[in-house]
Protein backbone atom coordinates (compact mmCIF):
# COMPACT_ATOMS: atom_id res chain seq x y z
CA MET A 1 -63.17 19.22 -24.84
CA LYS A 2 -60.55 17.35 -22.86
CA GLN A 3 -58.73 19.43 -20.32
CA GLU A 4 -54.92 19.19 -20.40
CA ASP A 5 -53.08 18.07 -17.32
CA THR A 6 -50.93 21.03 -16.39
CA THR A 7 -49.35 19.44 -13.31
CA THR A 8 -45.62 19.02 -13.65
CA PRO A 9 -44.22 15.59 -12.96
CA GLU A 10 -42.38 15.21 -9.68
CA GLN A 11 -38.68 15.64 -10.23
CA PRO A 12 -36.50 12.81 -8.85
CA ARG A 13 -34.66 13.81 -5.73
CA PRO A 14 -30.88 14.01 -6.12
CA PRO A 15 -29.01 11.26 -4.33
CA ALA A 16 -28.02 12.06 -0.76
CA ARG A 17 -24.41 12.86 -0.17
CA LEU A 18 -22.20 12.44 2.84
CA PRO A 19 -21.28 15.69 4.53
CA LEU A 20 -17.78 17.04 3.93
CA TRP A 21 -16.64 16.14 7.43
CA ALA A 22 -17.44 12.49 6.75
CA ASN A 23 -15.33 12.42 3.56
CA PRO A 24 -12.19 10.54 4.60
CA ARG A 25 -9.89 12.18 2.02
CA ILE A 26 -10.72 15.73 3.16
CA GLY A 27 -10.34 14.69 6.78
CA LEU A 28 -6.96 13.16 6.07
CA VAL A 29 -5.67 16.31 4.36
CA VAL A 30 -6.77 18.44 7.34
CA LEU A 31 -5.18 15.99 9.79
CA LEU A 32 -1.93 15.86 7.82
CA ILE A 33 -1.67 19.69 7.80
CA ALA A 34 -2.46 19.81 11.52
CA LEU A 35 0.17 17.20 12.37
CA ILE A 36 2.87 18.93 10.32
CA ALA A 37 2.01 22.21 12.03
CA LEU A 38 2.09 20.57 15.46
CA PHE A 39 5.44 18.84 15.04
CA THR A 40 6.99 21.89 13.43
CA THR A 41 5.97 23.96 16.40
CA LEU A 42 7.33 21.46 18.88
CA ARG A 43 10.49 20.67 16.86
CA PRO A 44 11.49 23.16 14.16
CA ALA A 45 13.98 20.55 12.90
CA PHE A 46 10.93 18.68 11.51
CA LEU A 47 11.23 20.84 8.41
CA ASN A 48 14.97 20.25 8.01
CA THR A 49 15.41 18.95 4.46
CA GLN A 50 18.26 16.43 4.92
CA LEU A 51 17.43 15.36 8.49
CA THR A 52 13.71 14.89 8.10
CA LEU A 53 11.99 15.68 4.82
CA VAL A 54 14.06 13.63 2.34
CA PRO A 55 14.17 10.49 4.53
CA MET A 56 10.47 10.82 5.25
CA GLN A 57 9.67 11.06 1.58
CA ALA A 58 11.66 7.86 0.96
CA ASP A 59 9.74 6.10 3.76
CA ILE A 60 6.40 7.34 2.39
CA SER A 61 7.40 5.97 -1.04
CA VAL A 62 8.06 2.54 0.44
CA TYR A 63 5.03 2.27 2.67
CA ALA A 64 2.59 3.72 0.14
CA VAL A 65 3.43 0.71 -2.04
CA VAL A 66 3.02 -1.55 0.96
CA GLY A 67 -0.43 -0.07 1.52
CA LEU A 68 -1.34 -0.61 -2.13
CA SER A 69 -0.30 -4.24 -1.78
CA GLN A 70 -2.87 -4.74 0.95
CA LEU A 71 -5.45 -2.60 -0.89
CA ALA A 72 -5.29 -4.99 -3.89
CA VAL A 73 -6.84 -7.81 -1.82
CA LEU A 74 -8.97 -5.61 0.48
CA SER A 75 -10.83 -4.78 -2.76
CA LEU A 76 -12.15 -8.37 -2.54
CA GLY A 77 -12.70 -8.25 1.23
CA HIS A 78 -9.60 -10.46 1.60
CA MET A 79 -6.41 -10.04 3.62
CA ASN A 80 -2.74 -10.69 2.82
CA MET A 81 -1.07 -11.62 6.06
CA ALA A 82 2.11 -12.64 4.17
CA VAL A 83 2.82 -9.26 2.64
CA GLY A 84 6.09 -8.83 4.56
CA ARG A 85 7.37 -12.30 3.75
CA MET A 86 6.48 -11.91 0.08
CA ALA A 87 8.58 -8.75 0.10
CA ALA A 88 11.44 -10.67 1.72
CA MET A 89 11.28 -13.45 -0.90
CA SER A 90 11.19 -10.93 -3.67
CA ALA A 91 14.25 -9.14 -2.24
CA PHE A 92 16.01 -12.52 -2.06
CA ALA A 93 15.25 -13.22 -5.73
CA SER A 94 16.57 -9.81 -6.73
CA GLY A 95 19.71 -10.25 -4.65
CA LEU A 96 20.34 -13.79 -5.92
CA LEU A 97 20.01 -12.67 -9.56
CA HIS A 98 22.63 -9.95 -9.06
CA ASP A 99 24.92 -12.03 -6.87
CA ARG A 100 25.02 -15.16 -9.03
CA LEU A 101 24.22 -13.87 -12.53
CA ASP A 102 25.54 -10.29 -12.16
CA ALA A 103 22.05 -9.11 -13.29
CA PRO A 104 21.66 -5.35 -13.85
CA LEU A 105 19.25 -3.26 -11.80
CA ILE A 106 16.25 -3.61 -14.12
CA LEU A 107 16.60 -7.39 -14.40
CA ALA A 108 17.01 -7.78 -10.66
CA LEU A 109 13.87 -5.67 -10.14
CA ALA A 110 11.94 -7.74 -12.70
CA GLY A 111 12.98 -11.00 -10.97
CA GLY A 112 11.82 -9.69 -7.62
CA LEU A 113 8.46 -8.55 -9.00
CA ALA A 114 7.96 -11.92 -10.71
CA MET A 115 8.66 -13.74 -7.46
CA GLY A 116 6.15 -11.59 -5.56
CA ALA A 117 3.50 -12.04 -8.24
CA LEU A 118 3.96 -15.83 -8.24
CA LEU A 119 3.59 -16.07 -4.46
CA GLY A 120 0.50 -13.84 -4.54
CA ALA A 121 -1.02 -15.89 -7.41
CA LEU A 122 -0.33 -19.08 -5.44
CA ALA A 123 -2.23 -17.68 -2.43
CA GLY A 124 -5.10 -16.55 -4.65
CA LEU A 125 -5.27 -19.91 -6.40
CA ILE A 126 -5.50 -21.77 -3.09
CA ILE A 127 -8.20 -19.40 -1.83
CA SER A 128 -10.30 -19.58 -5.01
CA ARG A 129 -10.06 -23.35 -5.38
CA THR A 130 -10.55 -24.38 -1.75
CA GLY A 131 -12.77 -21.59 -0.45
CA VAL A 132 -10.59 -21.34 2.68
CA ASN A 133 -10.56 -17.86 4.22
CA SER A 134 -7.80 -15.59 2.93
CA PHE A 135 -6.67 -14.83 6.48
CA VAL A 136 -5.93 -18.54 7.12
CA VAL A 137 -4.24 -19.18 3.78
CA THR A 138 -1.96 -16.14 3.82
CA LEU A 139 -1.16 -16.59 7.49
CA ALA A 140 -0.09 -20.20 6.81
CA LEU A 141 1.93 -18.97 3.81
CA ASP A 142 3.58 -16.35 6.02
CA PHE A 143 4.74 -18.97 8.48
CA ALA A 144 6.06 -21.19 5.70
CA LEU A 145 7.95 -18.31 4.10
CA ILE A 146 9.53 -17.26 7.43
CA GLY A 147 11.40 -20.55 7.56
CA LEU A 148 12.10 -20.60 3.83
CA VAL A 149 13.60 -17.10 3.79
CA SER A 150 15.95 -18.01 6.66
CA LEU A 151 17.04 -21.25 5.00
CA LEU A 152 17.63 -19.55 1.65
CA TYR A 153 19.78 -16.80 3.08
CA ALA A 154 21.71 -19.27 5.18
CA SER A 155 22.37 -21.36 2.04
CA PHE A 156 23.27 -18.64 -0.44
CA THR A 157 24.89 -15.91 1.65
CA ASP A 158 27.48 -15.71 4.38
CA GLY A 159 25.04 -14.05 6.74
CA VAL A 160 21.60 -12.51 6.48
CA ALA A 161 22.20 -10.28 3.46
CA PHE A 162 23.80 -10.22 0.01
CA ASN A 163 27.04 -8.26 -0.07
CA GLY A 164 26.58 -6.36 -3.32
CA LEU A 165 24.00 -4.17 -4.98
CA PRO A 166 23.33 -3.66 -8.71
CA ALA A 167 24.87 -0.58 -10.24
CA GLY A 168 22.62 2.43 -9.74
CA MET A 169 20.84 1.08 -6.67
CA SER A 170 22.95 3.04 -4.24
CA ALA A 171 21.87 6.22 -6.01
CA LEU A 172 18.25 5.36 -5.28
CA ARG A 173 19.21 5.41 -1.58
CA THR A 174 21.25 8.56 -1.37
CA ASP A 175 20.40 10.85 -4.28
CA THR A 176 17.67 13.38 -4.86
CA PHE A 177 16.67 15.24 -8.03
CA ALA A 178 18.58 18.22 -6.65
CA ASP A 179 21.83 16.28 -7.05
CA TYR A 180 21.49 16.33 -10.80
CA CYS A 181 21.99 19.92 -11.84
CA ALA A 182 22.43 21.77 -15.10
CA GLY A 183 24.37 24.93 -14.33
CA ASP A 184 22.49 26.81 -11.63
CA VAL A 185 19.22 25.02 -12.21
CA CYS A 186 18.58 22.10 -9.83
CA GLY A 187 15.63 19.78 -9.29
CA PRO A 188 13.67 19.51 -6.04
CA GLU A 189 14.83 17.69 -2.91
CA ILE A 190 12.87 14.56 -3.82
CA PRO A 191 14.45 11.11 -3.44
CA LEU A 192 14.76 8.98 -6.57
CA LEU A 193 12.51 6.33 -4.96
CA ALA A 194 9.51 8.65 -5.11
CA PRO A 195 8.85 8.46 -8.90
CA ILE A 196 8.86 4.63 -8.73
CA ALA A 197 6.20 4.73 -6.02
CA LEU A 198 4.26 7.39 -7.94
CA VAL A 199 4.14 5.09 -11.01
CA ALA A 200 2.74 2.31 -8.83
CA VAL A 201 0.10 4.64 -7.38
CA LEU A 202 -0.98 5.81 -10.86
CA VAL A 203 -1.11 2.30 -12.32
CA VAL A 204 -3.18 0.94 -9.40
CA GLY A 205 -5.43 3.96 -9.45
CA LEU A 206 -6.08 3.62 -13.19
CA LEU A 207 -6.63 -0.13 -12.84
CA PHE A 208 -9.43 0.21 -10.33
CA ARG A 209 -10.86 3.34 -11.88
CA TRP A 210 -10.96 2.57 -15.57
CA SER A 211 -10.09 -1.03 -16.38
CA ARG A 212 -12.61 -3.82 -16.73
CA THR A 213 -10.49 -6.07 -14.59
CA GLY A 214 -10.43 -3.54 -11.74
CA ARG A 215 -14.15 -2.94 -11.86
CA GLU A 216 -14.88 -6.65 -11.86
CA VAL A 217 -12.62 -7.22 -8.87
CA LEU A 218 -14.56 -4.55 -6.98
CA MET A 219 -17.88 -6.11 -8.03
CA ALA A 220 -16.65 -9.48 -6.85
CA GLY A 221 -15.63 -7.89 -3.54
CA SER A 222 -19.01 -6.27 -3.16
CA ASN A 223 -21.04 -9.46 -3.82
CA ALA A 224 -19.20 -12.50 -5.13
CA LYS A 225 -22.34 -14.57 -5.86
CA ALA A 226 -24.05 -11.78 -7.73
CA ALA A 227 -20.84 -11.10 -9.69
CA GLU A 228 -20.55 -14.76 -10.66
CA LEU A 229 -24.22 -14.85 -11.79
CA SER A 230 -23.41 -11.74 -13.90
CA GLY A 231 -20.77 -13.69 -15.79
CA ILE A 232 -17.69 -12.30 -13.99
CA PRO A 233 -14.92 -14.89 -13.58
CA VAL A 234 -14.65 -14.45 -9.80
CA ARG A 235 -11.99 -17.16 -9.37
CA LEU A 236 -9.74 -15.59 -11.98
CA ARG A 237 -10.19 -12.12 -10.53
CA THR A 238 -9.30 -13.48 -7.09
CA VAL A 239 -6.05 -14.93 -8.41
CA GLN A 240 -5.27 -11.69 -10.26
CA ALA A 241 -5.93 -9.50 -7.22
CA HIS A 242 -3.64 -11.61 -5.04
CA ALA A 243 -1.01 -11.66 -7.77
CA LEU A 244 -1.12 -7.85 -7.89
CA SER A 245 -0.79 -7.78 -4.11
CA GLY A 246 2.31 -10.00 -4.28
CA LEU A 247 3.81 -7.97 -7.11
CA LEU A 248 3.37 -4.74 -5.11
CA ALA A 249 4.84 -6.42 -2.04
CA GLY A 250 7.83 -7.36 -4.17
CA LEU A 251 8.18 -3.73 -5.32
CA ALA A 252 7.98 -2.56 -1.75
CA GLY A 253 10.69 -5.07 -0.81
CA PHE A 254 12.94 -3.77 -3.61
CA LEU A 255 12.38 -0.14 -2.58
CA LEU A 256 13.14 -0.89 1.10
CA SER A 257 16.25 -2.80 0.08
CA ALA A 258 17.40 0.22 -1.89
CA ASN A 259 16.57 2.47 1.08
CA ASN A 260 18.47 0.22 3.50
CA GLY A 261 21.35 -0.49 1.14
CA ALA A 262 21.09 -4.30 1.20
CA PHE A 263 18.98 -7.27 0.12
CA SER A 264 18.49 -8.81 3.54
CA ALA A 265 16.33 -11.40 5.30
CA GLY A 266 14.79 -8.67 7.47
CA VAL A 267 13.16 -6.90 4.57
CA GLY A 268 9.38 -6.70 5.15
CA ASP A 269 9.50 -7.50 8.88
CA GLY A 270 7.59 -4.29 9.69
CA PHE A 271 5.19 -4.29 6.76
CA LEU A 272 2.05 -5.94 8.16
CA LEU A 273 0.63 -3.15 10.39
CA PRO A 274 1.37 -0.28 7.91
CA SER A 275 -0.15 -2.33 5.10
CA PHE A 276 -3.53 -2.25 6.87
CA LEU A 277 -3.17 1.18 8.47
CA ALA A 278 -2.69 3.19 5.27
CA PRO A 279 -5.69 1.90 3.21
CA VAL A 280 -8.04 1.76 6.20
CA LEU A 281 -7.15 5.30 7.17
CA GLY A 282 -7.76 6.30 3.54
CA GLY A 283 -11.22 4.91 3.40
CA THR A 284 -10.76 1.48 1.76
CA LEU A 285 -13.47 -0.89 3.02
CA LEU A 286 -12.41 -4.01 4.92
CA VAL A 287 -15.48 -5.82 3.56
CA GLY A 288 -14.43 -5.24 -0.06
CA GLY A 289 -16.10 -3.47 -2.98
CA ALA A 290 -14.50 -0.04 -2.61
CA VAL A 291 -10.95 1.23 -2.52
CA SER A 292 -9.20 4.57 -2.27
CA VAL A 293 -5.74 4.82 -3.77
CA LEU A 294 -5.39 8.56 -2.97
CA GLY A 295 -6.62 7.86 0.56
CA THR A 296 -3.98 5.15 0.95
CA VAL A 297 -1.21 7.61 0.01
CA LEU A 298 -2.56 10.18 2.46
CA GLY A 299 -2.88 7.53 5.18
CA THR A 300 0.76 6.56 4.59
CA ALA A 301 1.90 10.20 4.77
CA ILE A 302 0.06 10.66 8.08
CA THR A 303 1.57 7.51 9.54
CA GLN A 304 5.12 8.49 8.58
CA VAL A 305 4.63 12.07 9.79
CA ILE A 306 3.55 10.64 13.18
CA TYR A 307 6.56 8.27 13.22
CA LYS A 308 9.03 11.00 12.34
CA GLY A 309 7.46 13.55 14.70
CA LEU A 310 7.45 11.21 17.66
CA ASN A 311 11.01 10.18 16.85
CA LEU A 312 12.15 13.80 17.00
CA LEU A 313 10.33 14.14 20.29
CA GLN A 314 12.48 11.21 21.47
CA PHE A 315 9.75 8.66 22.03
CA GLN A 316 10.91 5.08 22.48
CA VAL A 317 10.19 2.36 19.88
CA ASP A 318 7.57 0.70 22.04
CA GLU A 319 5.82 4.01 22.55
CA LEU A 320 5.80 4.57 18.79
CA LYS A 321 4.13 1.22 18.25
CA LEU A 322 1.56 2.02 20.92
CA TYR A 323 0.55 5.30 19.32
CA ILE A 324 0.45 3.84 15.80
CA GLY A 325 -1.76 1.04 17.16
CA LEU A 326 -4.07 3.63 18.68
CA VAL A 327 -4.25 5.42 15.31
CA LEU A 328 -5.31 2.16 13.60
CA LEU A 329 -7.97 1.54 16.28
CA ALA A 330 -9.28 5.09 15.78
CA ALA A 331 -9.27 4.56 11.98
CA LEU A 332 -11.30 1.36 12.29
CA SER A 333 -13.77 3.11 14.58
CA LEU A 334 -14.19 6.00 12.15
CA ASP A 335 -14.62 3.52 9.30
CA ARG A 336 -17.49 1.89 11.18
CA LEU A 337 -18.99 5.30 12.02
CA ARG A 338 -18.88 6.24 8.31
CA HIS A 339 -20.70 3.04 7.37
CA VAL A 340 -23.47 3.68 9.94
CA LEU A 341 -23.83 7.27 8.71
CA ALA A 342 -23.99 6.13 5.06
CA GLU A 343 -26.64 3.51 5.85
CA ARG A 344 -28.81 6.05 7.67
CA ARG A 345 -28.56 8.51 4.81
CA GLY A 346 -29.00 5.89 2.15
CA VAL A 347 -25.79 6.75 0.33
CA PRO A 348 -22.74 4.66 -0.53
CA ALA A 349 -19.91 4.85 1.99
């Protein structure tokens, strides 16, 4: 009689996981809380609603969208060095539509977004067709747009900004939900810019999480040759990712114009460093293939908390740039450390 084999088959080992301390999102939340506590202790005015919290929320709204603009191409392992100038061109398009055609707010916004998307698609098309590195292409585009923006504003305005704003745009700058009350019931002290940025965050998050296009962009960023052999239209996805980057840069330019109260040539001048800082802090890989939308928002919040805190401590502008640069250097170092740890443990970073 044949004896049955009673040995149980070896169960597959569960995949290794990174420790909690190596999870960038958890680390960012802890760091954000620690920074708020530190600056509140040093300057209690840090929690003043009108002086600090409302303006900081508006800044976070603008720069979160800036970070998403860079994240869109980092998903491919590319860079957009022209993110600031795309924002400036988009702001010019919005201002021109209102100034010459008396376009309402929504139409001016749509024109600005279209301009940004077209510039981004142009960059993506050049990159996909020529194979030239994205850094070189977008840097060249940035230099070209610097001159073009100056020429356009000199030709169509009396100075460096359009005089008027579409109806309702001033409210985006000054109002919060608390300003719209029904009897004794008021909304929170949240600027009206915040929901616009939140919509952008949700759309980009859903795109990369659930849509076929987003997943294929990430696959192309992880291994372009393997993605092409799998039937993924890598060239098309490259153009689409850069178009999305330009569109988000245009939205950021519009939000900053609303925050500043003018469509001006200087919109986007300070976008480049924050555009990298937020996604890299949040765990987005520079080599492509993985993004973190939530991490980008947290990275933006940390950056703006540092800016506002050091401002209240009366640091000079050059000192602010020094400390933000050091934060970016630390973020890049931690990103590399996370990769090494993931490789040793055999888990995805």
